Amino acid sequence: MLKEVYIIDGARSAFAKFGDALKDIPPVDLGAIVVKEAVNKSGVAPENVDTLELSLP
């Protein structure tokens, strides 16, 4: 059972009009970029992250 929870940082993706600049980037790849950036900004080593939450609008 999870005993402690830490919110380490956040990041957001770029945004564009539907069918515009980001149309060729799969959503999973865009999410991966955001997650990697949040972990990078936090200074926490990726191997120390057990779980993450990704929220989509």
PDB file of N, CA and C in Angstrom:
ATOM      1  N   MET A   1       0.838  -1.181   0.000  1.00  0.00           N
ATOM      2  CA  MET A   1       0.000   0.000   0.000  1.00  0.00           C
ATOM      3  C   MET A   1       0.884   1.245   0.000  1.00  0.00           C
ATOM      4  N   LEU A   2       0.487   2.229  -0.774  1.00  0.00           N
ATOM      5  CA  LEU A   2       1.225   3.476  -0.883  1.00  0.00           C
ATOM      6  C   LEU A   2       1.118   4.260   0.419  1.00  0.00           C
ATOM      7  N   LYS A   3       2.250   4.653   0.964  1.00  0.00           N
ATOM      8  CA  LYS A   3       2.247   5.362   2.242  1.00  0.00           C
ATOM      9  C   LYS A   3       2.500   6.857   2.087  1.00  0.00           C
ATOM     10  N   GLU A   4       3.303   7.242   1.084  1.00  0.00           N
ATOM     11  CA  GLU A   4       3.607   8.652   0.890  1.00  0.00           C
ATOM     12  C   GLU A   4       3.438   9.012  -0.577  1.00  0.00           C
ATOM     13  N   VAL A   5       2.935  10.214  -0.796  1.00  0.00           N
ATOM     14  CA  VAL A   5       2.737  10.709  -2.152  1.00  0.00           C
ATOM     15  C   VAL A   5       3.437  12.055  -2.247  1.00  0.00           C
ATOM     16  N   TYR A   6       4.167  12.241  -3.335  1.00  0.00           N
ATOM     17  CA  TYR A   6       4.846  13.505  -3.583  1.00  0.00           C
ATOM     18  C   TYR A   6       4.460  14.010  -4.962  1.00  0.00           C
ATOM     19  N   ILE A   7       4.112  15.264  -5.046  1.00  0.00           N
ATOM     20  CA  ILE A   7       3.921  15.907  -6.345  1.00  0.00           C
ATOM     21  C   ILE A   7       5.229  16.628  -6.618  1.00  0.00           C
ATOM     22  N   ILE A   8       5.937  16.166  -7.645  1.00  0.00           N
ATOM     23  CA  ILE A   8       7.287  16.683  -7.852  1.00  0.00           C
ATOM     24  C   ILE A   8       7.354  17.834  -8.832  1.00  0.00           C
ATOM     25  N   ASP A   9       6.494  17.856  -9.818  1.00  0.00           N
ATOM     26  CA  ASP A   9       6.528  18.928 -10.810  1.00  0.00           C
ATOM     27  C   ASP A   9       5.404  18.726 -11.803  1.00  0.00           C
ATOM     28  N   GLY A  10       5.316  19.604 -12.732  1.00  0.00           N
ATOM     29  CA  GLY A  10       4.311  19.487 -13.771  1.00  0.00           C
ATOM     30  C   GLY A  10       4.842  20.048 -15.072  1.00  0.00           C
ATOM     31  N   ALA A  11       4.205  19.694 -16.137  1.00  0.00           N
ATOM     32  CA  ALA A  11       4.551  20.215 -17.455  1.00  0.00           C
ATOM     33  C   ALA A  11       3.307  20.093 -18.321  1.00  0.00           C
ATOM     34  N   ARG A  12       3.295  20.815 -19.389  1.00  0.00           N
ATOM     35  CA  ARG A  12       2.176  20.711 -20.313  1.00  0.00           C
ATOM     36  C   ARG A  12       2.704  20.636 -21.727  1.00  0.00           C
ATOM     37  N   SER A  13       1.887  20.095 -22.585  1.00  0.00           N
ATOM     38  CA  SER A  13       2.288  19.994 -23.989  1.00  0.00           C
ATOM     39  C   SER A  13       1.996  21.311 -24.691  1.00  0.00           C
ATOM     40  N   ALA A  14       2.571  21.425 -25.851  1.00  0.00           N
ATOM     41  CA  ALA A  14       2.214  22.553 -26.712  1.00  0.00           C
ATOM     42  C   ALA A  14       0.770  22.339 -27.163  1.00  0.00           C
ATOM     43  N   PHE A  15       0.152  23.360 -27.657  1.00  0.00           N
ATOM     44  CA  PHE A  15      -1.190  23.184 -28.166  1.00  0.00           C
ATOM     45  C   PHE A  15      -1.318  23.899 -29.498  1.00  0.00           C
ATOM     46  N   ALA A  16      -2.201  23.388 -30.318  1.00  0.00           N
ATOM     47  CA  ALA A  16      -2.428  23.954 -31.647  1.00  0.00           C
ATOM     48  C   ALA A  16      -3.871  23.672 -32.047  1.00  0.00           C
ATOM     49  N   LYS A  17      -4.295  24.288 -33.104  1.00  0.00           N
ATOM     50  CA  LYS A  17      -5.632  24.028 -33.616  1.00  0.00           C
ATOM     51  C   LYS A  17      -5.717  22.599 -34.131  1.00  0.00           C
ATOM     52  N   PHE A  18      -6.901  22.021 -34.074  1.00  0.00           N
ATOM     53  CA  PHE A  18      -7.115  20.651 -34.540  1.00  0.00           C
ATOM     54  C   PHE A  18      -6.645  20.529 -35.995  1.00  0.00           C
ATOM     55  N   GLY A  19      -5.823  19.507 -36.254  1.00  0.00           N
ATOM     56  CA  GLY A  19      -5.336  19.263 -37.606  1.00  0.00           C
ATOM     57  C   GLY A  19      -4.224  20.204 -38.039  1.00  0.00           C
ATOM     58  N   ASP A  20      -3.606  20.903 -37.083  1.00  0.00           N
ATOM     59  CA  ASP A  20      -2.582  21.900 -37.418  1.00  0.00           C
ATOM     60  C   ASP A  20      -1.186  21.354 -37.125  1.00  0.00           C
ATOM     61  N   ALA A  21      -0.381  22.089 -36.431  1.00  0.00           N
ATOM     62  CA  ALA A  21       1.049  21.812 -36.259  1.00  0.00           C
ATOM     63  C   ALA A  21       1.370  20.469 -35.591  1.00  0.00           C
ATOM     64  N   LEU A  22       0.510  19.973 -34.724  1.00  0.00           N
ATOM     65  CA  LEU A  22       0.810  18.746 -33.987  1.00  0.00           C
ATOM     66  C   LEU A  22       0.123  17.511 -34.571  1.00  0.00           C
ATOM     67  N   LYS A  23      -0.486  17.645 -35.722  1.00  0.00           N
ATOM     68  CA  LYS A  23      -1.287  16.555 -36.280  1.00  0.00           C
ATOM     69  C   LYS A  23      -0.497  15.290 -36.582  1.00  0.00           C
ATOM     70  N   ASP A  24       0.807  15.414 -36.810  1.00  0.00           N
ATOM     71  CA  ASP A  24       1.615  14.241 -37.145  1.00  0.00           C
ATOM     72  C   ASP A  24       2.286  13.592 -35.934  1.00  0.00           C
ATOM     73  N   ILE A  25       2.042  14.126 -34.736  1.00  0.00           N
ATOM     74  CA  ILE A  25       2.628  13.560 -33.522  1.00  0.00           C
ATOM     75  C   ILE A  25       1.558  12.733 -32.813  1.00  0.00           C
ATOM     76  N   PRO A  26       1.785  11.423 -32.690  1.00  0.00           N
ATOM     77  CA  PRO A  26       0.803  10.586 -31.990  1.00  0.00           C
ATOM     78  C   PRO A  26       0.622  11.054 -30.537  1.00  0.00           C
ATOM     79  N   PRO A  27      -0.599  10.989 -30.006  1.00  0.00           N
ATOM     80  CA  PRO A  27      -0.849  11.438 -28.633  1.00  0.00           C
ATOM     81  C   PRO A  27       0.055  10.768 -27.595  1.00  0.00           C
ATOM     82  N   VAL A  28       0.352   9.488 -27.768  1.00  0.00           N
ATOM     83  CA  VAL A  28       1.218   8.787 -26.814  1.00  0.00           C
ATOM     84  C   VAL A  28       2.619   9.403 -26.819  1.00  0.00           C
ATOM     85  N   ASP A  29       3.120   9.746 -27.995  1.00  0.00           N
ATOM     86  CA  ASP A  29       4.443  10.368 -28.089  1.00  0.00           C
ATOM     87  C   ASP A  29       4.445  11.756 -27.453  1.00  0.00           C
ATOM     88  N   LEU A  30       3.386  12.513 -27.661  1.00  0.00           N
ATOM     89  CA  LEU A  30       3.280  13.838 -27.058  1.00  0.00           C
ATOM     90  C   LEU A  30       3.231  13.725 -25.534  1.00  0.00           C
ATOM     91  N   GLY A  31       2.477  12.753 -25.032  1.00  0.00           N
ATOM     92  CA  GLY A  31       2.428  12.519 -23.592  1.00  0.00           C
ATOM     93  C   GLY A  31       3.776  12.123 -23.029  1.00  0.00           C
ATOM     94  N   ALA A  32       4.523  11.295 -23.757  1.00  0.00           N
ATOM     95  CA  ALA A  32       5.854  10.870 -23.306  1.00  0.00           C
ATOM     96  C   ALA A  32       6.798  12.061 -23.186  1.00  0.00           C
ATOM     97  N   ILE A  33       6.709  12.983 -24.126  1.00  0.00           N
ATOM     98  CA  ILE A  33       7.545  14.188 -24.077  1.00  0.00           C
ATOM     99  C   ILE A  33       7.238  14.989 -22.819  1.00  0.00           C
ATOM    100  N   VAL A  34       5.956  15.133 -22.514  1.00  0.00           N
ATOM    101  CA  VAL A  34       5.537  15.902 -21.335  1.00  0.00           C
ATOM    102  C   VAL A  34       6.014  15.232 -20.051  1.00  0.00           C
ATOM    103  N   VAL A  35       5.851  13.921 -19.958  1.00  0.00           N
ATOM    104  CA  VAL A  35       6.269  13.191 -18.757  1.00  0.00           C
ATOM    105  C   VAL A  35       7.786  13.298 -18.571  1.00  0.00           C
ATOM    106  N   LYS A  36       8.543  13.087 -19.640  1.00  0.00           N
ATOM    107  CA  LYS A  36      10.006  13.190 -19.550  1.00  0.00           C
ATOM    108  C   LYS A  36      10.429  14.581 -19.088  1.00  0.00           C
ATOM    109  N   GLU A  37       9.768  15.615 -19.596  1.00  0.00           N
ATOM    110  CA  GLU A  37      10.116  16.983 -19.202  1.00  0.00           C
ATOM    111  C   GLU A  37       9.779  17.240 -17.733  1.00  0.00           C
ATOM    112  N   ALA A  38       8.644  16.758 -17.263  1.00  0.00           N
ATOM    113  CA  ALA A  38       8.283  16.955 -15.854  1.00  0.00           C
ATOM    114  C   ALA A  38       9.292  16.273 -14.938  1.00  0.00           C
ATOM    115  N   VAL A  39       9.685  15.048 -15.269  1.00  0.00           N
ATOM    116  CA  VAL A  39      10.672  14.336 -14.449  1.00  0.00           C
ATOM    117  C   VAL A  39      12.013  15.053 -14.520  1.00  0.00           C
ATOM    118  N   ASN A  40      12.403  15.500 -15.709  1.00  0.00           N
ATOM    119  CA  ASN A  40      13.668  16.218 -15.871  1.00  0.00           C
ATOM    120  C   ASN A  40      13.677  17.502 -15.037  1.00  0.00           C
ATOM    121  N   LYS A  41      12.601  18.278 -15.081  1.00  0.00           N
ATOM    122  CA  LYS A  41      12.514  19.528 -14.313  1.00  0.00           C
ATOM    123  C   LYS A  41      12.553  19.286 -12.810  1.00  0.00           C
ATOM    124  N   SER A  42      12.022  18.147 -12.384  1.00  0.00           N
ATOM    125  CA  SER A  42      11.909  17.875 -10.952  1.00  0.00           C
ATOM    126  C   SER A  42      13.242  17.593 -10.284  1.00  0.00           C
ATOM    127  N   GLY A  43      14.190  17.067 -11.052  1.00  0.00           N
ATOM    128  CA  GLY A  43      15.467  16.684 -10.463  1.00  0.00           C
ATOM    129  C   GLY A  43      15.444  15.306  -9.810  1.00  0.00           C
ATOM    130  N   VAL A  44      14.292  14.640  -9.848  1.00  0.00           N
ATOM    131  CA  VAL A  44      14.180  13.294  -9.291  1.00  0.00           C
ATOM    132  C   VAL A  44      14.668  12.308 -10.351  1.00  0.00           C
ATOM    133  N   ALA A  45      15.488  11.349  -9.946  1.00  0.00           N
ATOM    134  CA  ALA A  45      15.978  10.342 -10.887  1.00  0.00           C
ATOM    135  C   ALA A  45      14.800   9.508 -11.382  1.00  0.00           C
ATOM    136  N   PRO A  46      14.710   9.264 -12.691  1.00  0.00           N
ATOM    137  CA  PRO A  46      13.570   8.501 -13.227  1.00  0.00           C
ATOM    138  C   PRO A  46      13.368   7.148 -12.552  1.00  0.00           C
ATOM    139  N   GLU A  47      14.440   6.506 -12.120  1.00  0.00           N
ATOM    140  CA  GLU A  47      14.282   5.196 -11.471  1.00  0.00           C
ATOM    141  C   GLU A  47      13.627   5.302 -10.094  1.00  0.00           C
ATOM    142  N   ASN A  48      13.493   6.520  -9.569  1.00  0.00           N
ATOM    143  CA  ASN A  48      12.831   6.725  -8.284  1.00  0.00           C
ATOM    144  C   ASN A  48      11.346   7.061  -8.429  1.00  0.00           C
ATOM    145  N   VAL A  49      10.859   7.109  -9.649  1.00  0.00           N
ATOM    146  CA  VAL A  49       9.446   7.385  -9.897  1.00  0.00           C
ATOM    147  C   VAL A  49       8.726   6.048 -10.076  1.00  0.00           C
ATOM    148  N   ASP A  50       7.781   5.777  -9.176  1.00  0.00           N
ATOM    149  CA  ASP A  50       7.019   4.528  -9.240  1.00  0.00           C
ATOM    150  C   ASP A  50       5.747   4.662 -10.053  1.00  0.00           C
ATOM    151  N   THR A  51       5.062   5.783  -9.890  1.00  0.00           N
ATOM    152  CA  THR A  51       3.764   5.986 -10.504  1.00  0.00           C
ATOM    153  C   THR A  51       3.651   7.445 -10.942  1.00  0.00           C
ATOM    154  N   LEU A  52       2.921   7.679 -11.998  1.00  0.00           N
ATOM    155  CA  LEU A  52       2.677   9.054 -12.406  1.00  0.00           C
ATOM    156  C   LEU A  52       1.238   9.201 -12.823  1.00  0.00           C
ATOM    157  N   GLU A  53       0.766  10.425 -12.801  1.00  0.00           N
ATOM    158  CA  GLU A  53      -0.588  10.737 -13.234  1.00  0.00           C
ATOM    159  C   GLU A  53      -0.473  11.695 -14.412  1.00  0.00           C
ATOM    160  N   LEU A  54      -1.169  11.363 -15.469  1.00  0.00           N
ATOM    161  CA  LEU A  54      -1.209  12.206 -16.658  1.00  0.00           C
ATOM    162  C   LEU A  54      -2.651  12.575 -16.895  1.00  0.00           C
ATOM    163  N   SER A  55      -2.916  13.856 -16.889  1.00  0.00           N
ATOM    164  CA  SER A  55      -4.289  14.335 -17.057  1.00  0.00           C
ATOM    165  C   SER A  55      -4.444  14.938 -18.447  1.00  0.00           C
ATOM    166  N   LEU A  56      -5.510  14.564 -19.106  1.00  0.00           N
ATOM    167  CA  LEU A  56      -5.817  15.099 -20.420  1.00  0.00           C
ATOM    168  C   LEU A  56      -7.063  15.947 -20.329  1.00  0.00           C
ATOM    169  N   PRO A  57      -7.082  17.043 -21.070  1.00  0.00           N
ATOM    170  CA  PRO A  57      -8.288  17.916 -21.005  1.00  0.00           C
ATOM    171  C   PRO A  57      -9.509  17.256 -21.598  1.00  0.00           C
TER     172      PRO A  57
END
